Amino acid sequence: MFGKVTLDDENKCKLHEELNKLVSWAQKWKMEVMHRGNKNNKFSCEMNGKVLEKVLVEKDLGIMISSDVKSSQQCVVACNKANRVLEMTGRLA
């Protein structure tokens, strides 16, 4: 869906179809917006007339992704999980 697009009738139709697929897919999932970059104006985004929620951190496939692209939050989550496992194994011994 990304790349240079020449807006002839065929490409307009393809673009419209792809956008319709995206909207259809998005209706099945909770859609959010994560703004990245210092020069990002952080505009509000809408889909089907609904303003999408802005988030600073998102968990995807078990990985914490933050808008500043730092791994510190992921490290805290992993450390806490490891400490809980260690605590549980200490109780069993």
Protein backbone atom coordinates (compact mmCIF):
# COMPACT_ATOMS: atom_id res chain seq x y z
CA MET A 1 0.00 0.00 0.00
CA PHE A 2 3.04 2.27 0.33
CA GLY A 3 5.07 3.68 -2.53
CA LYS A 4 4.72 6.06 -5.42
CA VAL A 5 1.21 6.13 -6.81
CA THR A 6 0.20 7.58 -10.14
CA LEU A 7 -3.41 8.58 -9.70
CA ASP A 8 -4.97 7.24 -12.86
CA ASP A 9 -8.41 5.62 -12.68
CA GLU A 10 -7.03 2.11 -12.16
CA ASN A 11 -4.76 3.17 -9.27
CA LYS A 12 -7.53 5.23 -7.67
CA CYS A 13 -9.74 2.15 -7.70
CA LYS A 14 -6.96 -0.05 -6.21
CA LEU A 15 -6.23 2.53 -3.51
CA HIS A 16 -9.93 2.77 -2.65
CA GLU A 17 -10.17 -1.04 -2.41
CA GLU A 18 -7.11 -1.22 -0.13
CA LEU A 19 -8.47 1.52 2.13
CA ASN A 20 -11.81 -0.30 2.34
CA LYS A 21 -9.96 -3.50 3.35
CA LEU A 22 -8.08 -1.57 6.02
CA VAL A 23 -11.27 -0.06 7.44
CA SER A 24 -12.98 -3.47 7.41
CA TRP A 25 -10.04 -5.05 9.24
CA ALA A 26 -9.87 -2.17 11.73
CA GLN A 27 -13.51 -2.59 12.68
CA LYS A 28 -12.64 -6.05 14.07
CA TRP A 29 -9.81 -4.73 16.25
CA LYS A 30 -9.24 -1.95 18.75
CA MET A 31 -7.35 0.65 16.74
CA GLU A 32 -4.94 3.06 18.43
CA VAL A 33 -2.39 5.61 17.27
CA MET A 34 1.21 5.81 18.44
CA HIS A 35 3.04 8.97 17.42
CA ARG A 36 6.79 8.64 17.01
CA GLY A 37 9.49 11.21 16.39
CA ASN A 38 10.30 14.62 17.82
CA LYS A 39 8.94 16.52 14.83
CA ASN A 40 5.63 14.67 14.78
CA ASN A 41 2.70 17.10 15.08
CA LYS A 42 0.63 14.42 16.85
CA PHE A 43 -2.57 15.13 14.97
CA SER A 44 -5.76 13.36 15.95
CA CYS A 45 -6.59 10.47 13.62
CA GLU A 46 -10.08 9.32 12.74
CA MET A 47 -11.43 6.17 11.17
CA ASN A 48 -15.09 5.90 10.23
CA GLY A 49 -15.78 9.14 12.11
CA LYS A 50 -14.26 7.89 15.38
CA VAL A 51 -11.18 9.52 16.87
CA LEU A 52 -8.50 6.90 17.50
CA GLU A 53 -7.02 6.71 21.00
CA LYS A 54 -3.41 7.88 21.35
CA VAL A 55 -1.06 5.53 23.20
CA LEU A 56 2.54 5.84 24.39
CA VAL A 57 3.17 2.09 24.82
CA GLU A 58 1.72 -0.90 23.00
CA LYS A 59 2.20 -4.60 23.67
CA ASP A 60 2.40 -6.66 20.49
CA LEU A 61 3.39 -10.35 20.39
CA GLY A 62 4.54 -10.06 24.01
CA ILE A 63 6.91 -7.17 23.27
CA MET A 64 6.40 -3.69 24.75
CA ILE A 65 6.86 -1.03 22.08
CA SER A 66 7.05 2.59 23.22
CA SER A 67 6.70 5.78 21.24
CA ASP A 68 10.29 6.72 22.12
CA VAL A 69 11.46 3.27 20.89
CA LYS A 70 13.38 2.61 24.10
CA SER A 71 13.39 -0.88 25.59
CA SER A 72 13.31 0.21 29.24
CA GLN A 73 9.63 -0.65 29.75
CA GLN A 74 10.16 -4.08 28.17
CA CYS A 75 13.12 -4.66 30.51
CA VAL A 76 11.04 -3.74 33.58
CA VAL A 77 8.28 -6.14 32.54
CA ALA A 78 10.75 -8.97 31.90
CA CYS A 79 12.58 -8.33 35.19
CA ASN A 80 9.34 -8.34 37.19
CA LYS A 81 8.26 -11.57 35.54
CA ALA A 82 11.62 -13.22 36.26
CA ASN A 83 11.46 -12.09 39.90
CA ARG A 84 7.97 -13.61 40.27
CA VAL A 85 9.24 -16.94 38.88
CA LEU A 86 12.25 -16.87 41.22
CA GLU A 87 9.99 -16.10 44.16
CA MET A 88 7.72 -19.00 43.27
CA THR A 89 10.62 -21.45 42.87
CA GLY A 90 12.01 -20.33 46.25
CA ARG A 91 8.72 -21.21 47.89
CA LEU A 92 8.72 -24.67 46.34
CA ALA A 93 12.23 -25.56 47.48
